[in-house]
Amino acid sequence: MSWDKKRSHDRIQKHLDGMEEIEVKKLTREADLEQLLSETTCRDIYGAHVYIQVPNFAHLASDGLYAQDDYKRLIQGVHIYQREVTHIVENLGGTLVHFQGPKLHAIFYRPIDNAKKLASRAVLLQLVLKDFVKTVFNPAFPDYDDFTIADGADLGNAIGTMDGINGDRELLASAADSGRL
């Protein structure tokens, strides 16, 4: 079935016609974002966003030893990497926003509005993940090229909403109040 402009327009209009008013309030207390947020119930969340990527992933997927193994080991490696990184994020008090392939986006927002503690946790996550990749993950795949990671963090406000397909969480960043860590 090919894309149809009218069908797409009608689907969007139907969704908009049935959508309730959007509410955006400041997050002022700890909450389970999975339960609180919806397409129309949003929160202005002050937090530290952490971004981790695997800059050599294209090499691993095209030229590396993983490619010679029909990518099965690479798929397995990415799956294990995502699972373990998610555990680390959560154990440090963070919230996984999403993975895009091997790229991680996580947020620390507790304790509420405490810039120093939020920034400290973001930096701690970056250090722990560098150590994890070097001393645990890469040695688990000794016959393959090493993953390398690059990271960054940003401190500021974002709008939290559940607006993805099937309720996937997407945090929409507002650059106005952000400051690099």
C-alpha atoms as a PDB file:
ATOM      1  CA  MET A   1       0.000   0.000   0.000  1.00  0.00           C
ATOM      2  CA  SER A   2       1.502   3.330  -1.025  1.00  0.00           C
ATOM      3  CA  TRP A   3       1.292   6.618   0.812  1.00  0.00           C
ATOM      4  CA  ASP A   4      -1.823   8.619   0.125  1.00  0.00           C
ATOM      5  CA  LYS A   5      -1.810  12.350   0.892  1.00  0.00           C
ATOM      6  CA  LYS A   6      -5.565  12.607   1.531  1.00  0.00           C
ATOM      7  CA  ARG A   7      -5.626   9.533   3.769  1.00  0.00           C
ATOM      8  CA  SER A   8      -2.707  10.923   5.755  1.00  0.00           C
ATOM      9  CA  HIS A   9      -4.363  14.339   6.071  1.00  0.00           C
ATOM     10  CA  ASP A  10      -7.661  12.763   7.159  1.00  0.00           C
ATOM     11  CA  ARG A  11      -5.910  10.611   9.772  1.00  0.00           C
ATOM     12  CA  ILE A  12      -4.154  13.665  11.222  1.00  0.00           C
ATOM     13  CA  GLN A  13      -7.339  15.735  11.254  1.00  0.00           C
ATOM     14  CA  LYS A  14      -9.291  12.939  12.958  1.00  0.00           C
ATOM     15  CA  HIS A  15      -6.630  12.713  15.659  1.00  0.00           C
ATOM     16  CA  LEU A  16      -6.606  16.492  16.192  1.00  0.00           C
ATOM     17  CA  ASP A  17     -10.411  16.640  16.341  1.00  0.00           C
ATOM     18  CA  GLY A  18     -10.462  14.043  19.137  1.00  0.00           C
ATOM     19  CA  MET A  19      -7.538  15.449  21.086  1.00  0.00           C
ATOM     20  CA  GLU A  20      -8.147  17.116  24.439  1.00  0.00           C
ATOM     21  CA  GLU A  21      -6.620  20.424  25.556  1.00  0.00           C
ATOM     22  CA  ILE A  22      -2.883  20.154  26.258  1.00  0.00           C
ATOM     23  CA  GLU A  23      -1.851  20.900  29.842  1.00  0.00           C
ATOM     24  CA  VAL A  24       1.739  21.887  30.656  1.00  0.00           C
ATOM     25  CA  LYS A  25       2.595  22.351  34.339  1.00  0.00           C
ATOM     26  CA  LYS A  26       5.903  22.498  36.169  1.00  0.00           C
ATOM     27  CA  LEU A  27       6.986  19.208  37.718  1.00  0.00           C
ATOM     28  CA  THR A  28       7.155  20.096  41.417  1.00  0.00           C
ATOM     29  CA  ARG A  29       7.369  16.688  43.080  1.00  0.00           C
ATOM     30  CA  GLU A  30       8.687  13.231  42.349  1.00  0.00           C
ATOM     31  CA  ALA A  31       6.421  11.265  40.066  1.00  0.00           C
ATOM     32  CA  ASP A  32       6.397   8.172  37.915  1.00  0.00           C
ATOM     33  CA  LEU A  33       6.641   9.785  34.484  1.00  0.00           C
ATOM     34  CA  GLU A  34       5.313   6.624  32.832  1.00  0.00           C
ATOM     35  CA  GLN A  35       2.078   7.019  34.792  1.00  0.00           C
ATOM     36  CA  LEU A  36       1.849  10.817  34.906  1.00  0.00           C
ATOM     37  CA  LEU A  37       2.545  11.862  31.342  1.00  0.00           C
ATOM     38  CA  SER A  38       0.254  11.483  28.370  1.00  0.00           C
ATOM     39  CA  GLU A  39      -0.231  13.085  24.996  1.00  0.00           C
ATOM     40  CA  THR A  40      -2.127  15.932  26.660  1.00  0.00           C
ATOM     41  CA  THR A  41      -0.752  15.858  30.232  1.00  0.00           C
ATOM     42  CA  CYS A  42       2.735  17.340  29.997  1.00  0.00           C
ATOM     43  CA  ARG A  43       5.265  18.571  32.533  1.00  0.00           C
ATOM     44  CA  ASP A  44       7.993  21.179  32.399  1.00  0.00           C
ATOM     45  CA  ILE A  45      10.890  19.171  33.833  1.00  0.00           C
ATOM     46  CA  TYR A  46      14.170  20.654  35.033  1.00  0.00           C
ATOM     47  CA  GLY A  47      16.882  18.071  34.685  1.00  0.00           C
ATOM     48  CA  ALA A  48      20.228  16.928  33.409  1.00  0.00           C
ATOM     49  CA  HIS A  49      20.034  15.244  30.019  1.00  0.00           C
ATOM     50  CA  VAL A  50      22.779  12.767  29.190  1.00  0.00           C
ATOM     51  CA  TYR A  51      23.588  11.740  25.642  1.00  0.00           C
ATOM     52  CA  ILE A  52      25.895   8.797  24.956  1.00  0.00           C
ATOM     53  CA  GLN A  53      26.774   7.634  21.475  1.00  0.00           C
ATOM     54  CA  VAL A  54      29.016   4.997  19.941  1.00  0.00           C
ATOM     55  CA  PRO A  55      30.909   7.082  17.366  1.00  0.00           C
ATOM     56  CA  ASN A  56      32.577   4.075  15.770  1.00  0.00           C
ATOM     57  CA  PHE A  57      29.271   2.247  15.266  1.00  0.00           C
ATOM     58  CA  ALA A  58      29.232   2.816  11.495  1.00  0.00           C
ATOM     59  CA  HIS A  59      32.697   1.245  11.288  1.00  0.00           C
ATOM     60  CA  LEU A  60      31.611  -1.680  13.455  1.00  0.00           C
ATOM     61  CA  ALA A  61      28.555  -2.245  11.280  1.00  0.00           C
ATOM     62  CA  SER A  62      30.317  -1.961   7.933  1.00  0.00           C
ATOM     63  CA  ASP A  63      34.029  -2.683   8.135  1.00  0.00           C
ATOM     64  CA  GLY A  64      34.568  -4.290  11.507  1.00  0.00           C
ATOM     65  CA  LEU A  65      34.735  -7.924  12.469  1.00  0.00           C
ATOM     66  CA  TYR A  66      31.051  -7.783  13.390  1.00  0.00           C
ATOM     67  CA  ALA A  67      30.207  -7.302   9.696  1.00  0.00           C
ATOM     68  CA  GLN A  68      32.083 -10.478   8.815  1.00  0.00           C
ATOM     69  CA  ASP A  69      29.870 -12.431  11.210  1.00  0.00           C
ATOM     70  CA  ASP A  70      26.611 -11.613   9.379  1.00  0.00           C
ATOM     71  CA  TYR A  71      25.949  -8.936  12.004  1.00  0.00           C
ATOM     72  CA  LYS A  72      24.508 -11.491  14.434  1.00  0.00           C
ATOM     73  CA  ARG A  73      27.120 -10.698  17.062  1.00  0.00           C
ATOM     74  CA  LEU A  74      26.655  -6.936  16.527  1.00  0.00           C
ATOM     75  CA  ILE A  75      22.895  -7.237  17.021  1.00  0.00           C
ATOM     76  CA  GLN A  76      23.505  -9.308  20.130  1.00  0.00           C
ATOM     77  CA  GLY A  77      26.087  -6.797  21.360  1.00  0.00           C
ATOM     78  CA  VAL A  78      23.803  -3.787  20.874  1.00  0.00           C
ATOM     79  CA  HIS A  79      20.976  -5.601  22.659  1.00  0.00           C
ATOM     80  CA  ILE A  80      23.184  -6.462  25.643  1.00  0.00           C
ATOM     81  CA  TYR A  81      24.696  -2.958  25.654  1.00  0.00           C
ATOM     82  CA  GLN A  82      21.235  -1.340  25.754  1.00  0.00           C
ATOM     83  CA  ARG A  83      20.009  -3.636  28.540  1.00  0.00           C
ATOM     84  CA  GLU A  84      23.042  -3.081  30.745  1.00  0.00           C
ATOM     85  CA  VAL A  85      23.185   0.664  30.119  1.00  0.00           C
ATOM     86  CA  THR A  86      19.487   0.902  31.036  1.00  0.00           C
ATOM     87  CA  HIS A  87      20.201  -0.908  34.328  1.00  0.00           C
ATOM     88  CA  ILE A  88      23.087   1.460  35.070  1.00  0.00           C
ATOM     89  CA  VAL A  89      20.991   4.562  34.297  1.00  0.00           C
ATOM     90  CA  GLU A  90      18.172   3.368  36.557  1.00  0.00           C
ATOM     91  CA  ASN A  91      20.522   2.273  39.368  1.00  0.00           C
ATOM     92  CA  LEU A  92      22.013   5.778  39.411  1.00  0.00           C
ATOM     93  CA  GLY A  93      18.528   7.301  39.716  1.00  0.00           C
ATOM     94  CA  GLY A  94      18.094   8.320  36.098  1.00  0.00           C
ATOM     95  CA  THR A  95      15.292   7.751  33.633  1.00  0.00           C
ATOM     96  CA  LEU A  96      15.820   6.264  30.196  1.00  0.00           C
ATOM     97  CA  VAL A  97      14.248   8.465  27.537  1.00  0.00           C
ATOM     98  CA  HIS A  98      15.155   6.233  24.601  1.00  0.00           C
ATOM     99  CA  PHE A  99      17.796   4.524  22.545  1.00  0.00           C
ATOM    100  CA  GLN A 100      18.200   5.293  18.888  1.00  0.00           C
ATOM    101  CA  GLY A 101      20.294   2.331  17.845  1.00  0.00           C
ATOM    102  CA  PRO A 102      23.282   2.511  20.179  1.00  0.00           C
ATOM    103  CA  LYS A 103      22.657   6.203  21.058  1.00  0.00           C
ATOM    104  CA  LEU A 104      21.324   6.829  24.572  1.00  0.00           C
ATOM    105  CA  HIS A 105      19.248   9.729  25.877  1.00  0.00           C
ATOM    106  CA  ALA A 106      18.626   9.679  29.633  1.00  0.00           C
ATOM    107  CA  ILE A 107      17.498  12.311  32.130  1.00  0.00           C
ATOM    108  CA  PHE A 108      18.111  12.935  35.813  1.00  0.00           C
ATOM    109  CA  TYR A 109      15.346  15.057  37.345  1.00  0.00           C
ATOM    110  CA  ARG A 110      15.368  13.941  40.996  1.00  0.00           C
ATOM    111  CA  PRO A 111      15.884  15.645  43.402  1.00  0.00           C
ATOM    112  CA  ILE A 112      13.568  18.239  41.890  1.00  0.00           C
ATOM    113  CA  ASP A 113      15.309  21.488  40.831  1.00  0.00           C
ATOM    114  CA  ASN A 114      18.639  20.594  42.499  1.00  0.00           C
ATOM    115  CA  ALA A 115      21.096  21.601  39.763  1.00  0.00           C
ATOM    116  CA  LYS A 116      24.216  20.529  41.649  1.00  0.00           C
ATOM    117  CA  LYS A 117      23.005  16.991  42.391  1.00  0.00           C
ATOM    118  CA  LEU A 118      21.475  16.551  38.934  1.00  0.00           C
ATOM    119  CA  ALA A 119      24.690  17.654  37.225  1.00  0.00           C
ATOM    120  CA  SER A 120      26.763  15.416  39.512  1.00  0.00           C
ATOM    121  CA  ARG A 121      24.647  12.381  38.638  1.00  0.00           C
ATOM    122  CA  ALA A 122      24.885  13.157  34.925  1.00  0.00           C
ATOM    123  CA  VAL A 123      28.683  13.341  35.117  1.00  0.00           C
ATOM    124  CA  LEU A 124      28.796  10.198  37.264  1.00  0.00           C
ATOM    125  CA  LEU A 125      26.758   8.311  34.650  1.00  0.00           C
ATOM    126  CA  GLN A 126      29.181   9.371  31.927  1.00  0.00           C
ATOM    127  CA  LEU A 127      32.170   8.167  33.962  1.00  0.00           C
ATOM    128  CA  VAL A 128      30.513   4.883  34.932  1.00  0.00           C
ATOM    129  CA  LEU A 129      29.523   4.133  31.325  1.00  0.00           C
ATOM    130  CA  LYS A 130      33.051   4.830  30.074  1.00  0.00           C
ATOM    131  CA  ASP A 131      34.362   2.382  32.669  1.00  0.00           C
ATOM    132  CA  PHE A 132      31.630  -0.171  31.889  1.00  0.00           C
ATOM    133  CA  VAL A 133      32.396  -0.161  28.160  1.00  0.00           C
ATOM    134  CA  LYS A 134      36.155  -0.400  28.716  1.00  0.00           C
ATOM    135  CA  THR A 135      36.298  -2.958  31.540  1.00  0.00           C
ATOM    136  CA  VAL A 136      33.116  -5.040  31.196  1.00  0.00           C
ATOM    137  CA  PHE A 137      31.418  -4.746  27.816  1.00  0.00           C
ATOM    138  CA  ASN A 138      34.375  -4.821  25.414  1.00  0.00           C
ATOM    139  CA  PRO A 139      36.105  -7.720  27.226  1.00  0.00           C
ATOM    140  CA  ALA A 140      32.865  -9.726  26.856  1.00  0.00           C
ATOM    141  CA  PHE A 141      33.428  -9.586  23.068  1.00  0.00           C
ATOM    142  CA  PRO A 142      37.199 -10.214  22.838  1.00  0.00           C
ATOM    143  CA  ASP A 143      37.177 -11.320  19.199  1.00  0.00           C
ATOM    144  CA  TYR A 144      35.506  -8.132  17.958  1.00  0.00           C
ATOM    145  CA  ASP A 145      36.418  -4.485  17.605  1.00  0.00           C
ATOM    146  CA  ASP A 146      35.826  -2.407  20.735  1.00  0.00           C
ATOM    147  CA  PHE A 147      32.876  -0.090  21.184  1.00  0.00           C
ATOM    148  CA  THR A 148      33.979   3.460  21.956  1.00  0.00           C
ATOM    149  CA  ILE A 149      31.658   6.011  23.502  1.00  0.00           C
ATOM    150  CA  ALA A 150      31.376   9.776  23.386  1.00  0.00           C
ATOM    151  CA  ASP A 151      29.121  11.644  25.740  1.00  0.00           C
ATOM    152  CA  GLY A 152      27.686  14.964  26.705  1.00  0.00           C
ATOM    153  CA  ALA A 153      25.158  16.434  29.080  1.00  0.00           C
ATOM    154  CA  ASP A 154      22.863  19.422  29.184  1.00  0.00           C
ATOM    155  CA  LEU A 155      21.163  20.992  32.194  1.00  0.00           C
ATOM    156  CA  GLY A 156      17.851  22.768  31.737  1.00  0.00           C
ATOM    157  CA  ASN A 157      14.141  22.495  31.144  1.00  0.00           C
ATOM    158  CA  ALA A 158      12.343  20.110  28.824  1.00  0.00           C
ATOM    159  CA  ILE A 159       8.705  19.336  28.199  1.00  0.00           C
ATOM    160  CA  GLY A 160       7.898  15.763  29.156  1.00  0.00           C
ATOM    161  CA  THR A 161       5.094  14.110  27.226  1.00  0.00           C
ATOM    162  CA  MET A 162       4.055  10.680  26.006  1.00  0.00           C
ATOM    163  CA  ASP A 163       3.564  11.528  22.384  1.00  0.00           C
ATOM    164  CA  GLY A 164       5.307   8.724  20.572  1.00  0.00           C
ATOM    165  CA  ILE A 165       3.724   5.754  18.865  1.00  0.00           C
ATOM    166  CA  ASN A 166       2.211   3.306  21.363  1.00  0.00           C
ATOM    167  CA  GLY A 167       2.956   5.633  24.295  1.00  0.00           C
ATOM    168  CA  ASP A 168       6.715   5.859  23.806  1.00  0.00           C
ATOM    169  CA  ARG A 169       8.095   8.684  25.933  1.00  0.00           C
ATOM    170  CA  GLU A 170       9.601  11.638  24.112  1.00  0.00           C
ATOM    171  CA  LEU A 171      11.112  14.562  25.992  1.00  0.00           C
ATOM    172  CA  LEU A 172      11.071  17.708  23.920  1.00  0.00           C
ATOM    173  CA  ALA A 173      13.951  19.992  24.911  1.00  0.00           C
ATOM    174  CA  SER A 174      13.525  23.710  25.295  1.00  0.00           C
ATOM    175  CA  ALA A 175      16.875  25.313  24.532  1.00  0.00           C
ATOM    176  CA  ALA A 176      15.959  28.592  26.235  1.00  0.00           C
ATOM    177  CA  ASP A 177      16.922  27.438  29.727  1.00  0.00           C
ATOM    178  CA  SER A 178      19.593  24.878  28.973  1.00  0.00           C
ATOM    179  CA  GLY A 179      23.234  25.106  29.923  1.00  0.00           C
ATOM    180  CA  ARG A 180      25.964  22.670  28.941  1.00  0.00           C
ATOM    181  CA  LEU A 181      27.619  20.692  31.726  1.00  0.00           C
END
